[in-house]
């Protein structure tokens, strides 16, 4: 994540840490997910691997926000981060997977338990 994106999130009132700051740089995705789950942290990433719903189903993490842009660039991702910040004013990704694309957010909800 660009330091600019981190600044945008902090300025919007969000507590932010990075994989590097947590000593998890280069770790497998599952180790990162487990660490975030323990701490109740939502993952915000451009890594499309986190968007695979079968590998990271809703309810198996504290929340995943995956940024996707058809023409990735620093500016394009900055706009997606701003879109996330606006969405976080009204909603929480807690336990869900958000796929953020220009102009829309697809939400994969936590499955409801019955029985």
PDB file of N, CA and C in Angstrom:
ATOM      1  N   UNK A   1       0.840  -1.185   0.000  1.00  0.00           N
ATOM      2  CA  UNK A   1       0.000   0.000   0.000  1.00  0.00           C
ATOM      3  C   UNK A   1       0.881   1.243   0.000  1.00  0.00           C
ATOM      4  N   UNK A   2       0.503   2.150  -0.807  1.00  0.00           N
ATOM      5  CA  UNK A   2       1.213   3.423  -0.857  1.00  0.00           C
ATOM      6  C   UNK A   2       1.005   4.180   0.457  1.00  0.00           C
ATOM      7  N   UNK A   3       2.043   4.852   0.932  1.00  0.00           N
ATOM      8  CA  UNK A   3       1.870   5.677   2.138  1.00  0.00           C
ATOM      9  C   UNK A   3       0.734   6.693   1.990  1.00  0.00           C
ATOM     10  N   UNK A   4       0.469   7.132   0.768  1.00  0.00           N
ATOM     11  CA  UNK A   4      -0.635   8.068   0.529  1.00  0.00           C
ATOM     12  C   UNK A   4      -1.973   7.443   0.917  1.00  0.00           C
ATOM     13  N   UNK A   5      -2.169   6.163   0.590  1.00  0.00           N
ATOM     14  CA  UNK A   5      -3.426   5.482   0.917  1.00  0.00           C
ATOM     15  C   UNK A   5      -3.575   5.357   2.431  1.00  0.00           C
ATOM     16  N   UNK A   6      -2.474   5.044   3.087  1.00  0.00           N
ATOM     17  CA  UNK A   6      -2.493   4.917   4.545  1.00  0.00           C
ATOM     18  C   UNK A   6      -2.879   6.246   5.164  1.00  0.00           C
ATOM     19  N   UNK A   7      -2.301   7.324   4.665  1.00  0.00           N
ATOM     20  CA  UNK A   7      -2.634   8.665   5.173  1.00  0.00           C
ATOM     21  C   UNK A   7      -4.114   8.972   4.992  1.00  0.00           C
ATOM     22  N   UNK A   8      -4.669   8.623   3.842  1.00  0.00           N
ATOM     23  CA  UNK A   8      -6.098   8.863   3.597  1.00  0.00           C
ATOM     24  C   UNK A   8      -6.953   8.131   4.632  1.00  0.00           C
ATOM     25  N   UNK A   9      -6.604   6.885   4.915  1.00  0.00           N
ATOM     26  CA  UNK A   9      -7.365   6.099   5.883  1.00  0.00           C
ATOM     27  C   UNK A   9      -7.218   6.660   7.301  1.00  0.00           C
ATOM     28  N   UNK A  10      -6.019   7.030   7.676  1.00  0.00           N
ATOM     29  CA  UNK A  10      -5.781   7.596   9.016  1.00  0.00           C
ATOM     30  C   UNK A  10      -6.519   8.921   9.162  1.00  0.00           C
ATOM     31  N   UNK A  11      -6.453   9.767   8.149  1.00  0.00           N
ATOM     32  CA  UNK A  11      -7.144  11.055   8.187  1.00  0.00           C
ATOM     33  C   UNK A  11      -8.657  10.865   8.318  1.00  0.00           C
ATOM     34  N   UNK A  12      -9.163   9.732   7.803  1.00  0.00           N
ATOM     35  CA  UNK A  12     -10.600   9.445   7.903  1.00  0.00           C
ATOM     36  C   UNK A  12     -10.953   8.796   9.243  1.00  0.00           C
ATOM     37  N   UNK A  13      -9.957   8.628  10.109  1.00  0.00           N
ATOM     38  CA  UNK A  13     -10.218   8.122  11.450  1.00  0.00           C
ATOM     39  C   UNK A  13     -10.029   6.630  11.640  1.00  0.00           C
ATOM     40  N   UNK A  14      -9.393   5.972  10.691  1.00  0.00           N
ATOM     41  CA  UNK A  14      -9.190   4.528  10.786  1.00  0.00           C
ATOM     42  C   UNK A  14      -7.805   4.211  11.331  1.00  0.00           C
ATOM     43  N   UNK A  15      -7.742   3.188  12.156  1.00  0.00           N
ATOM     44  CA  UNK A  15      -6.460   2.701  12.662  1.00  0.00           C
ATOM     45  C   UNK A  15      -5.871   1.800  11.582  1.00  0.00           C
ATOM     46  N   UNK A  16      -4.634   2.047  11.213  1.00  0.00           N
ATOM     47  CA  UNK A  16      -4.022   1.320  10.105  1.00  0.00           C
ATOM     48  C   UNK A  16      -2.651   0.799  10.516  1.00  0.00           C
ATOM     49  N   UNK A  17      -2.366  -0.414  10.105  1.00  0.00           N
ATOM     50  CA  UNK A  17      -1.034  -0.980  10.219  1.00  0.00           C
ATOM     51  C   UNK A  17      -0.770  -1.729   8.928  1.00  0.00           C
ATOM     52  N   UNK A  18       0.481  -1.989   8.645  1.00  0.00           N
ATOM     53  CA  UNK A  18       0.824  -2.686   7.407  1.00  0.00           C
ATOM     54  C   UNK A  18       1.370  -4.071   7.711  1.00  0.00           C
ATOM     55  N   UNK A  19       1.397  -4.891   6.688  1.00  0.00           N
ATOM     56  CA  UNK A  19       1.959  -6.231   6.823  1.00  0.00           C
ATOM     57  C   UNK A  19       3.418  -6.129   7.270  1.00  0.00           C
ATOM     58  N   UNK A  20       4.143  -5.177   6.701  1.00  0.00           N
ATOM     59  CA  UNK A  20       5.550  -4.995   7.075  1.00  0.00           C
ATOM     60  C   UNK A  20       5.680  -4.599   8.546  1.00  0.00           C
ATOM     61  N   UNK A  21       4.847  -3.671   8.993  1.00  0.00           N
ATOM     62  CA  UNK A  21       4.900  -3.235  10.398  1.00  0.00           C
ATOM     63  C   UNK A  21       4.580  -4.381  11.359  1.00  0.00           C
ATOM     64  N   UNK A  22       3.772  -5.315  10.920  1.00  0.00           N
ATOM     65  CA  UNK A  22       3.390  -6.455  11.754  1.00  0.00           C
ATOM     66  C   UNK A  22       4.383  -7.613  11.641  1.00  0.00           C
ATOM     67  N   UNK A  23       5.438  -7.440  10.834  1.00  0.00           N
ATOM     68  CA  UNK A  23       6.433  -8.494  10.659  1.00  0.00           C
ATOM     69  C   UNK A  23       5.935  -9.664   9.827  1.00  0.00           C
ATOM     70  N   UNK A  24       4.953  -9.404   8.956  1.00  0.00           N
ATOM     71  CA  UNK A  24       4.349 -10.471   8.159  1.00  0.00           C
ATOM     72  C   UNK A  24       4.665 -10.366   6.666  1.00  0.00           C
ATOM     73  N   UNK A  25       5.555  -9.450   6.299  1.00  0.00           N
ATOM     74  CA  UNK A  25       5.886  -9.268   4.886  1.00  0.00           C
ATOM     75  C   UNK A  25       6.435 -10.578   4.329  1.00  0.00           C
ATOM     76  N   UNK A  26       5.884 -11.017   3.206  1.00  0.00           N
ATOM     77  CA  UNK A  26       6.312 -12.253   2.568  1.00  0.00           C
ATOM     78  C   UNK A  26       5.652 -13.502   3.133  1.00  0.00           C
ATOM     79  N   UNK A  27       4.786 -13.332   4.121  1.00  0.00           N
ATOM     80  CA  UNK A  27       4.097 -14.479   4.726  1.00  0.00           C
ATOM     81  C   UNK A  27       2.987 -14.981   3.814  1.00  0.00           C
ATOM     82  N   UNK A  28       2.647 -16.267   3.949  1.00  0.00           N
ATOM     83  CA  UNK A  28       1.508 -16.780   3.177  1.00  0.00           C
ATOM     84  C   UNK A  28       0.217 -16.062   3.566  1.00  0.00           C
ATOM     85  N   UNK A  29      -0.709 -15.994   2.626  1.00  0.00           N
ATOM     86  CA  UNK A  29      -1.984 -15.311   2.859  1.00  0.00           C
ATOM     87  C   UNK A  29      -2.663 -15.804   4.126  1.00  0.00           C
ATOM     88  N   UNK A  30      -2.691 -17.113   4.337  1.00  0.00           N
ATOM     89  CA  UNK A  30      -3.387 -17.667   5.506  1.00  0.00           C
ATOM     90  C   UNK A  30      -2.808 -17.159   6.819  1.00  0.00           C
ATOM     91  N   UNK A  31      -1.497 -16.988   6.876  1.00  0.00           N
ATOM     92  CA  UNK A  31      -0.872 -16.484   8.100  1.00  0.00           C
ATOM     93  C   UNK A  31      -1.309 -15.039   8.346  1.00  0.00           C
ATOM     94  N   UNK A  32      -1.407 -14.256   7.288  1.00  0.00           N
ATOM     95  CA  UNK A  32      -1.852 -12.867   7.402  1.00  0.00           C
ATOM     96  C   UNK A  32      -3.311 -12.829   7.846  1.00  0.00           C
ATOM     97  N   UNK A  33      -4.148 -13.672   7.239  1.00  0.00           N
ATOM     98  CA  UNK A  33      -5.569 -13.734   7.604  1.00  0.00           C
ATOM     99  C   UNK A  33      -5.710 -14.115   9.079  1.00  0.00           C
ATOM    100  N   UNK A  34      -4.955 -15.107   9.526  1.00  0.00           N
ATOM    101  CA  UNK A  34      -5.025 -15.552  10.921  1.00  0.00           C
ATOM    102  C   UNK A  34      -4.627 -14.433  11.884  1.00  0.00           C
ATOM    103  N   UNK A  35      -3.550 -13.723  11.566  1.00  0.00           N
ATOM    104  CA  UNK A  35      -3.095 -12.626  12.429  1.00  0.00           C
ATOM    105  C   UNK A  35      -4.155 -11.531  12.502  1.00  0.00           C
ATOM    106  N   UNK A  36      -4.750 -11.193  11.372  1.00  0.00           N
ATOM    107  CA  UNK A  36      -5.782 -10.150  11.351  1.00  0.00           C
ATOM    108  C   UNK A  36      -7.034 -10.611  12.086  1.00  0.00           C
ATOM    109  N   UNK A  37      -7.361 -11.866  11.966  1.00  0.00           N
ATOM    110  CA  UNK A  37      -8.533 -12.409  12.660  1.00  0.00           C
ATOM    111  C   UNK A  37      -8.329 -12.295  14.175  1.00  0.00           C
ATOM    112  N   UNK A  38      -7.137 -12.673  14.660  1.00  0.00           N
ATOM    113  CA  UNK A  38      -6.836 -12.588  16.091  1.00  0.00           C
ATOM    114  C   UNK A  38      -6.985 -11.165  16.611  1.00  0.00           C
ATOM    115  N   UNK A  39      -6.571 -10.194  15.802  1.00  0.00           N
ATOM    116  CA  UNK A  39      -6.589  -8.795  16.213  1.00  0.00           C
ATOM    117  C   UNK A  39      -7.863  -8.065  15.803  1.00  0.00           C
ATOM    118  N   UNK A  40      -8.760  -8.753  15.094  1.00  0.00           N
ATOM    119  CA  UNK A  40      -9.998  -8.125  14.646  1.00  0.00           C
ATOM    120  C   UNK A  40      -9.768  -7.061  13.586  1.00  0.00           C
ATOM    121  N   UNK A  41      -8.751  -7.249  12.764  1.00  0.00           N
ATOM    122  CA  UNK A  41      -8.408  -6.272  11.731  1.00  0.00           C
ATOM    123  C   UNK A  41      -8.940  -6.691  10.367  1.00  0.00           C
ATOM    124  N   UNK A  42      -9.412  -5.722   9.626  1.00  0.00           N
ATOM    125  CA  UNK A  42      -9.861  -5.923   8.254  1.00  0.00           C
ATOM    126  C   UNK A  42      -8.645  -5.788   7.345  1.00  0.00           C
ATOM    127  N   UNK A  43      -8.569  -6.632   6.340  1.00  0.00           N
ATOM    128  CA  UNK A  43      -7.478  -6.563   5.364  1.00  0.00           C
ATOM    129  C   UNK A  43      -7.946  -5.738   4.181  1.00  0.00           C
ATOM    130  N   UNK A  44      -7.137  -4.750   3.796  1.00  0.00           N
ATOM    131  CA  UNK A  44      -7.363  -3.952   2.594  1.00  0.00           C
ATOM    132  C   UNK A  44      -6.186  -4.227   1.678  1.00  0.00           C
ATOM    133  N   UNK A  45      -6.458  -4.751   0.482  1.00  0.00           N
ATOM    134  CA  UNK A  45      -5.377  -5.187  -0.392  1.00  0.00           C
ATOM    135  C   UNK A  45      -5.730  -5.049  -1.864  1.00  0.00           C
ATOM    136  N   UNK A  46      -4.714  -4.997  -2.664  1.00  0.00           N
ATOM    137  CA  UNK A  46      -4.873  -5.067  -4.114  1.00  0.00           C
ATOM    138  C   UNK A  46      -4.576  -6.461  -4.627  1.00  0.00           C
ATOM    139  N   UNK A  47      -4.238  -7.371  -3.728  1.00  0.00           N
ATOM    140  CA  UNK A  47      -3.914  -8.758  -4.077  1.00  0.00           C
ATOM    141  C   UNK A  47      -5.191  -9.511  -4.411  1.00  0.00           C
ATOM    142  N   UNK A  48      -5.377  -9.812  -5.675  1.00  0.00           N
ATOM    143  CA  UNK A  48      -6.608 -10.468  -6.134  1.00  0.00           C
ATOM    144  C   UNK A  48      -6.802 -11.847  -5.516  1.00  0.00           C
ATOM    145  N   UNK A  49      -5.733 -12.468  -5.053  1.00  0.00           N
ATOM    146  CA  UNK A  49      -5.842 -13.781  -4.424  1.00  0.00           C
ATOM    147  C   UNK A  49      -6.764 -13.777  -3.222  1.00  0.00           C
ATOM    148  N   UNK A  50      -6.828 -12.645  -2.519  1.00  0.00           N
ATOM    149  CA  UNK A  50      -7.707 -12.547  -1.368  1.00  0.00           C
ATOM    150  C   UNK A  50      -9.176 -12.481  -1.781  1.00  0.00           C
ATOM    151  N   UNK A  51      -9.445 -12.249  -3.057  1.00  0.00           N
ATOM    152  CA  UNK A  51     -10.811 -12.165  -3.537  1.00  0.00           C
ATOM    153  C   UNK A  51     -11.419 -13.499  -3.928  1.00  0.00           C
ATOM    154  N   UNK A  52     -10.648 -14.583  -3.804  1.00  0.00           N
ATOM    155  CA  UNK A  52     -11.170 -15.913  -4.131  1.00  0.00           C
ATOM    156  C   UNK A  52     -12.054 -16.381  -2.989  1.00  0.00           C
ATOM    157  N   UNK A  53     -13.344 -16.352  -3.224  1.00  0.00           N
ATOM    158  CA  UNK A  53     -14.328 -16.629  -2.168  1.00  0.00           C
ATOM    159  C   UNK A  53     -14.220 -18.048  -1.618  1.00  0.00           C
ATOM    160  N   UNK A  54     -13.773 -19.001  -2.414  1.00  0.00           N
ATOM    161  CA  UNK A  54     -13.633 -20.367  -1.916  1.00  0.00           C
ATOM    162  C   UNK A  54     -12.433 -20.504  -0.980  1.00  0.00           C
ATOM    163  N   UNK A  55     -11.388 -19.721  -1.225  1.00  0.00           N
ATOM    164  CA  UNK A  55     -10.209 -19.758  -0.363  1.00  0.00           C
ATOM    165  C   UNK A  55     -10.381 -18.880   0.876  1.00  0.00           C
ATOM    166  N   UNK A  56     -11.148 -17.827   0.743  1.00  0.00           N
ATOM    167  CA  UNK A  56     -11.361 -16.880   1.848  1.00  0.00           C
ATOM    168  C   UNK A  56     -12.853 -16.591   1.984  1.00  0.00           C
ATOM    169  N   UNK A  57     -13.642 -17.599   2.361  1.00  0.00           N
ATOM    170  CA  UNK A  57     -15.095 -17.383   2.442  1.00  0.00           C
ATOM    171  C   UNK A  57     -15.462 -16.395   3.547  1.00  0.00           C
ATOM    172  N   UNK A  58     -16.547 -15.688   3.322  1.00  0.00           N
ATOM    173  CA  UNK A  58     -17.056 -14.752   4.330  1.00  0.00           C
ATOM    174  C   UNK A  58     -17.248 -15.483   5.649  1.00  0.00           C
ATOM    175  N   UNK A  59     -16.939 -14.815   6.730  1.00  0.00           N
ATOM    176  CA  UNK A  59     -17.082 -15.390   8.056  1.00  0.00           C
ATOM    177  C   UNK A  59     -15.829 -16.090   8.552  1.00  0.00           C
ATOM    178  N   UNK A  60     -14.844 -16.265   7.698  1.00  0.00           N
ATOM    179  CA  UNK A  60     -13.607 -16.933   8.076  1.00  0.00           C
ATOM    180  C   UNK A  60     -12.466 -15.943   8.285  1.00  0.00           C
ATOM    181  N   UNK A  61     -12.814 -14.667   8.371  1.00  0.00           N
ATOM    182  CA  UNK A  61     -11.828 -13.604   8.561  1.00  0.00           C
ATOM    183  C   UNK A  61     -12.556 -12.425   9.186  1.00  0.00           C
ATOM    184  N   UNK A  62     -11.807 -11.443   9.632  1.00  0.00           N
ATOM    185  CA  UNK A  62     -12.413 -10.263  10.255  1.00  0.00           C
ATOM    186  C   UNK A  62     -13.012  -9.321   9.220  1.00  0.00           C
ATOM    187  N   UNK A  63     -12.684  -9.534   7.966  1.00  0.00           N
ATOM    188  CA  UNK A  63     -13.160  -8.707   6.861  1.00  0.00           C
ATOM    189  C   UNK A  63     -12.057  -8.556   5.831  1.00  0.00           C
ATOM    190  N   UNK A  64     -12.428  -8.635   4.571  1.00  0.00           N
ATOM    191  CA  UNK A  64     -11.476  -8.461   3.468  1.00  0.00           C
ATOM    192  C   UNK A  64     -12.024  -7.422   2.511  1.00  0.00           C
ATOM    193  N   UNK A  65     -11.181  -6.489   2.134  1.00  0.00           N
ATOM    194  CA  UNK A  65     -11.531  -5.503   1.118  1.00  0.00           C
ATOM    195  C   UNK A  65     -10.478  -5.629   0.024  1.00  0.00           C
ATOM    196  N   UNK A  66     -10.914  -6.059  -1.154  1.00  0.00           N
ATOM    197  CA  UNK A  66     -10.007  -6.264  -2.276  1.00  0.00           C
ATOM    198  C   UNK A  66     -10.267  -5.186  -3.319  1.00  0.00           C
ATOM    199  N   UNK A  67      -9.224  -4.448  -3.660  1.00  0.00           N
ATOM    200  CA  UNK A  67      -9.322  -3.386  -4.659  1.00  0.00           C
ATOM    201  C   UNK A  67      -9.041  -3.974  -6.040  1.00  0.00           C
ATOM    202  N   UNK A  68      -9.944  -3.717  -6.979  1.00  0.00           N
ATOM    203  CA  UNK A  68      -9.771  -4.193  -8.359  1.00  0.00           C
ATOM    204  C   UNK A  68     -10.034  -3.049  -9.313  1.00  0.00           C
ATOM    205  N   UNK A  69      -9.087  -2.818 -10.184  1.00  0.00           N
ATOM    206  CA  UNK A  69      -9.257  -1.771 -11.200  1.00  0.00           C
ATOM    207  C   UNK A  69      -8.799  -2.322 -12.543  1.00  0.00           C
ATOM    208  N   UNK A  70      -9.573  -2.061 -13.611  1.00  0.00           N
ATOM    209  CA  UNK A  70      -9.188  -2.591 -14.922  1.00  0.00           C
ATOM    210  C   UNK A  70      -7.890  -1.984 -15.465  1.00  0.00           C
ATOM    211  N   UNK A  71      -7.557  -0.792 -15.004  1.00  0.00           N
ATOM    212  CA  UNK A  71      -6.318  -0.130 -15.419  1.00  0.00           C
ATOM    213  C   UNK A  71      -5.577   0.331 -14.156  1.00  0.00           C
ATOM    214  N   UNK A  72      -4.928  -0.613 -13.465  1.00  0.00           N
ATOM    215  CA  UNK A  72      -4.295  -0.282 -12.185  1.00  0.00           C
ATOM    216  C   UNK A  72      -3.216   0.794 -12.324  1.00  0.00           C
ATOM    217  N   UNK A  73      -3.257   1.720 -11.397  1.00  0.00           N
ATOM    218  CA  UNK A  73      -2.237   2.763 -11.285  1.00  0.00           C
ATOM    219  C   UNK A  73      -2.338   3.319  -9.868  1.00  0.00           C
ATOM    220  N   UNK A  74      -1.372   4.104  -9.489  1.00  0.00           N
ATOM    221  CA  UNK A  74      -1.408   4.705  -8.154  1.00  0.00           C
ATOM    222  C   UNK A  74      -2.666   5.556  -8.003  1.00  0.00           C
ATOM    223  N   UNK A  75      -2.982   6.344  -9.023  1.00  0.00           N
ATOM    224  CA  UNK A  75      -4.166   7.204  -8.979  1.00  0.00           C
ATOM    225  C   UNK A  75      -5.455   6.375  -8.938  1.00  0.00           C
ATOM    226  N   UNK A  76      -5.508   5.312  -9.744  1.00  0.00           N
ATOM    227  CA  UNK A  76      -6.707   4.470  -9.779  1.00  0.00           C
ATOM    228  C   UNK A  76      -6.962   3.844  -8.411  1.00  0.00           C
ATOM    229  N   UNK A  77      -5.906   3.348  -7.765  1.00  0.00           N
ATOM    230  CA  UNK A  77      -6.075   2.749  -6.444  1.00  0.00           C
ATOM    231  C   UNK A  77      -6.396   3.803  -5.388  1.00  0.00           C
ATOM    232  N   UNK A  78      -5.870   5.010  -5.540  1.00  0.00           N
ATOM    233  CA  UNK A  78      -6.214   6.084  -4.596  1.00  0.00           C
ATOM    234  C   UNK A  78      -7.717   6.355  -4.657  1.00  0.00           C
ATOM    235  N   UNK A  79      -8.266   6.386  -5.867  1.00  0.00           N
ATOM    236  CA  UNK A  79      -9.703   6.610  -6.026  1.00  0.00           C
ATOM    237  C   UNK A  79     -10.507   5.466  -5.403  1.00  0.00           C
ATOM    238  N   UNK A  80     -10.025   4.235  -5.524  1.00  0.00           N
ATOM    239  CA  UNK A  80     -10.713   3.108  -4.907  1.00  0.00           C
ATOM    240  C   UNK A  80     -10.652   3.187  -3.383  1.00  0.00           C
ATOM    241  N   UNK A  81      -9.506   3.616  -2.845  1.00  0.00           N
ATOM    242  CA  UNK A  81      -9.400   3.781  -1.392  1.00  0.00           C
ATOM    243  C   UNK A  81     -10.369   4.856  -0.917  1.00  0.00           C
ATOM    244  N   UNK A  82     -10.487   5.952  -1.658  1.00  0.00           N
ATOM    245  CA  UNK A  82     -11.453   6.995  -1.301  1.00  0.00           C
ATOM    246  C   UNK A  82     -12.881   6.443  -1.350  1.00  0.00           C
ATOM    247  N   UNK A  83     -13.167   5.581  -2.314  1.00  0.00           N
ATOM    248  CA  UNK A  83     -14.484   4.946  -2.422  1.00  0.00           C
ATOM    249  C   UNK A  83     -14.739   4.071  -1.189  1.00  0.00           C
ATOM    250  N   UNK A  84     -13.718   3.340  -0.748  1.00  0.00           N
ATOM    251  CA  UNK A  84     -13.831   2.507   0.458  1.00  0.00           C
ATOM    252  C   UNK A  84     -14.113   3.383   1.674  1.00  0.00           C
ATOM    253  N   UNK A  85     -13.401   4.473   1.797  1.00  0.00           N
ATOM    254  CA  UNK A  85     -13.581   5.379   2.943  1.00  0.00           C
ATOM    255  C   UNK A  85     -15.018   5.889   2.988  1.00  0.00           C
ATOM    256  N   UNK A  86     -15.565   6.255   1.851  1.00  0.00           N
ATOM    257  CA  UNK A  86     -16.963   6.706   1.809  1.00  0.00           C
ATOM    258  C   UNK A  86     -17.904   5.579   2.234  1.00  0.00           C
ATOM    259  N   UNK A  87     -17.648   4.374   1.761  1.00  0.00           N
ATOM    260  CA  UNK A  87     -18.510   3.235   2.100  1.00  0.00           C
ATOM    261  C   UNK A  87     -18.435   2.904   3.592  1.00  0.00           C
ATOM    262  N   UNK A  88     -17.260   3.063   4.184  1.00  0.00           N
ATOM    263  CA  UNK A  88     -17.082   2.740   5.606  1.00  0.00           C
ATOM    264  C   UNK A  88     -17.845   3.700   6.523  1.00  0.00           C
ATOM    265  N   UNK A  89     -18.270   4.824   6.010  1.00  0.00           N
ATOM    266  CA  UNK A  89     -19.072   5.755   6.814  1.00  0.00           C
ATOM    267  C   UNK A  89     -20.435   5.158   7.146  1.00  0.00           C
ATOM    268  N   UNK A  90     -20.922   4.260   6.277  1.00  0.00           N
ATOM    269  CA  UNK A  90     -22.270   3.712   6.430  1.00  0.00           C
ATOM    270  C   UNK A  90     -22.320   2.209   6.646  1.00  0.00           C
ATOM    271  N   UNK A  91     -21.220   1.540   6.445  1.00  0.00           N
ATOM    272  CA  UNK A  91     -21.244   0.084   6.498  1.00  0.00           C
ATOM    273  C   UNK A  91     -19.918  -0.438   7.021  1.00  0.00           C
ATOM    274  N   UNK A  92     -19.929  -1.690   7.455  1.00  0.00           N
ATOM    275  CA  UNK A  92     -18.721  -2.347   7.943  1.00  0.00           C
ATOM    276  C   UNK A  92     -18.519  -3.644   7.172  1.00  0.00           C
ATOM    277  N   UNK A  93     -17.286  -3.932   6.801  1.00  0.00           N
ATOM    278  CA  UNK A  93     -17.033  -5.191   6.108  1.00  0.00           C
ATOM    279  C   UNK A  93     -16.877  -6.367   7.074  1.00  0.00           C
ATOM    280  N   UNK A  94     -17.109  -6.153   8.351  1.00  0.00           N
ATOM    281  CA  UNK A  94     -16.887  -7.167   9.376  1.00  0.00           C
ATOM    282  C   UNK A  94     -17.268  -8.580   8.956  1.00  0.00           C
ATOM    283  N   UNK A  95     -16.284  -9.433   8.764  1.00  0.00           N
ATOM    284  CA  UNK A  95     -16.506 -10.826   8.412  1.00  0.00           C
ATOM    285  C   UNK A  95     -16.857 -11.066   6.955  1.00  0.00           C
ATOM    286  N   UNK A  96     -17.060 -10.012   6.189  1.00  0.00           N
ATOM    287  CA  UNK A  96     -17.467 -10.137   4.794  1.00  0.00           C
ATOM    288  C   UNK A  96     -16.308  -9.849   3.850  1.00  0.00           C
ATOM    289  N   UNK A  97     -16.515 -10.198   2.600  1.00  0.00           N
ATOM    290  CA  UNK A  97     -15.570  -9.895   1.525  1.00  0.00           C
ATOM    291  C   UNK A  97     -16.170  -8.795   0.668  1.00  0.00           C
ATOM    292  N   UNK A  98     -15.430  -7.691   0.547  1.00  0.00           N
ATOM    293  CA  UNK A  98     -15.830  -6.610  -0.347  1.00  0.00           C
ATOM    294  C   UNK A  98     -14.886  -6.622  -1.543  1.00  0.00           C
ATOM    295  N   UNK A  99     -15.431  -6.653  -2.740  1.00  0.00           N
ATOM    296  CA  UNK A  99     -14.651  -6.481  -3.963  1.00  0.00           C
ATOM    297  C   UNK A  99     -14.973  -5.074  -4.450  1.00  0.00           C
ATOM    298  N   UNK A 100     -13.974  -4.204  -4.415  1.00  0.00           N
ATOM    299  CA  UNK A 100     -14.183  -2.790  -4.746  1.00  0.00           C
ATOM    300  C   UNK A 100     -13.668  -2.519  -6.151  1.00  0.00           C
ATOM    301  N   UNK A 101     -14.587  -2.092  -7.005  1.00  0.00           N
ATOM    302  CA  UNK A 101     -14.278  -1.739  -8.383  1.00  0.00           C
ATOM    303  C   UNK A 101     -14.762  -0.312  -8.611  1.00  0.00           C
ATOM    304  N   UNK A 102     -14.285   0.347  -9.651  1.00  0.00           N
ATOM    305  CA  UNK A 102     -14.737   1.719  -9.873  1.00  0.00           C
ATOM    306  C   UNK A 102     -16.269   1.810  -9.907  1.00  0.00           C
ATOM    307  N   UNK A 103     -16.829   2.579  -8.985  1.00  0.00           N
ATOM    308  CA  UNK A 103     -18.256   2.836  -8.958  1.00  0.00           C
ATOM    309  C   UNK A 103     -19.126   1.776  -8.305  1.00  0.00           C
ATOM    310  N   UNK A 104     -18.538   0.689  -7.811  1.00  0.00           N
ATOM    311  CA  UNK A 104     -19.357  -0.324  -7.150  1.00  0.00           C
ATOM    312  C   UNK A 104     -18.547  -1.150  -6.160  1.00  0.00           C
ATOM    313  N   UNK A 105     -19.271  -1.712  -5.214  1.00  0.00           N
ATOM    314  CA  UNK A 105     -18.679  -2.634  -4.250  1.00  0.00           C
ATOM    315  C   UNK A 105     -19.559  -3.872  -4.219  1.00  0.00           C
ATOM    316  N   UNK A 106     -18.960  -5.015  -4.549  1.00  0.00           N
ATOM    317  CA  UNK A 106     -19.684  -6.290  -4.461  1.00  0.00           C
ATOM    318  C   UNK A 106     -19.405  -6.862  -3.075  1.00  0.00           C
ATOM    319  N   UNK A 107     -20.451  -7.189  -2.355  1.00  0.00           N
ATOM    320  CA  UNK A 107     -20.331  -7.693  -0.991  1.00  0.00           C
ATOM    321  C   UNK A 107     -20.704  -9.165  -0.965  1.00  0.00           C
ATOM    322  N   UNK A 108     -19.791  -9.974  -0.451  1.00  0.00           N
ATOM    323  CA  UNK A 108     -20.064 -11.390  -0.205  1.00  0.00           C
ATOM    324  C   UNK A 108     -20.257 -11.512   1.291  1.00  0.00           C
ATOM    325  N   UNK A 109     -21.511 -11.685   1.703  1.00  0.00           N
ATOM    326  CA  UNK A 109     -21.886 -11.682   3.124  1.00  0.00           C
ATOM    327  C   UNK A 109     -21.491 -12.962   3.835  1.00  0.00           C
ATOM    328  N   UNK A 110     -21.443 -12.830   5.160  1.00  0.00           N
ATOM    329  CA  UNK A 110     -21.261 -13.979   6.029  1.00  0.00           C
ATOM    330  C   UNK A 110     -22.485 -14.874   5.882  1.00  0.00           C
ATOM    331  N   UNK A 111     -22.272 -16.160   5.669  1.00  0.00           N
ATOM    332  CA  UNK A 111     -23.439 -17.046   5.545  1.00  0.00           C
ATOM    333  C   UNK A 111     -24.200 -17.112   6.866  1.00  0.00           C
ATOM    334  N   UNK A 112     -25.521 -17.122   6.742  1.00  0.00           N
ATOM    335  CA  UNK A 112     -26.350 -17.213   7.948  1.00  0.00           C
ATOM    336  C   UNK A 112     -26.398 -18.652   8.417  1.00  0.00           C
ATOM    337  N   UNK A 113     -26.267 -18.835   9.710  1.00  0.00           N
ATOM    338  CA  UNK A 113     -26.316 -20.177  10.271  1.00  0.00           C
ATOM    339  C   UNK A 113     -27.762 -20.520  10.616  1.00  0.00           C
ATOM    340  N   UNK A 114     -28.165 -21.692  10.240  1.00  0.00           N
ATOM    341  CA  UNK A 114     -29.511 -22.147  10.570  1.00  0.00           C
ATOM    342  C   UNK A 114     -29.404 -23.442  11.360  1.00  0.00           C
ATOM    343  N   UNK A 115     -30.453 -23.769  12.033  1.00  0.00           N
ATOM    344  CA  UNK A 115     -30.406 -25.045  12.722  1.00  0.00           C
ATOM    345  C   UNK A 115     -30.829 -24.905  14.086  1.00  0.00           C
TER     346      UNK A 115
END
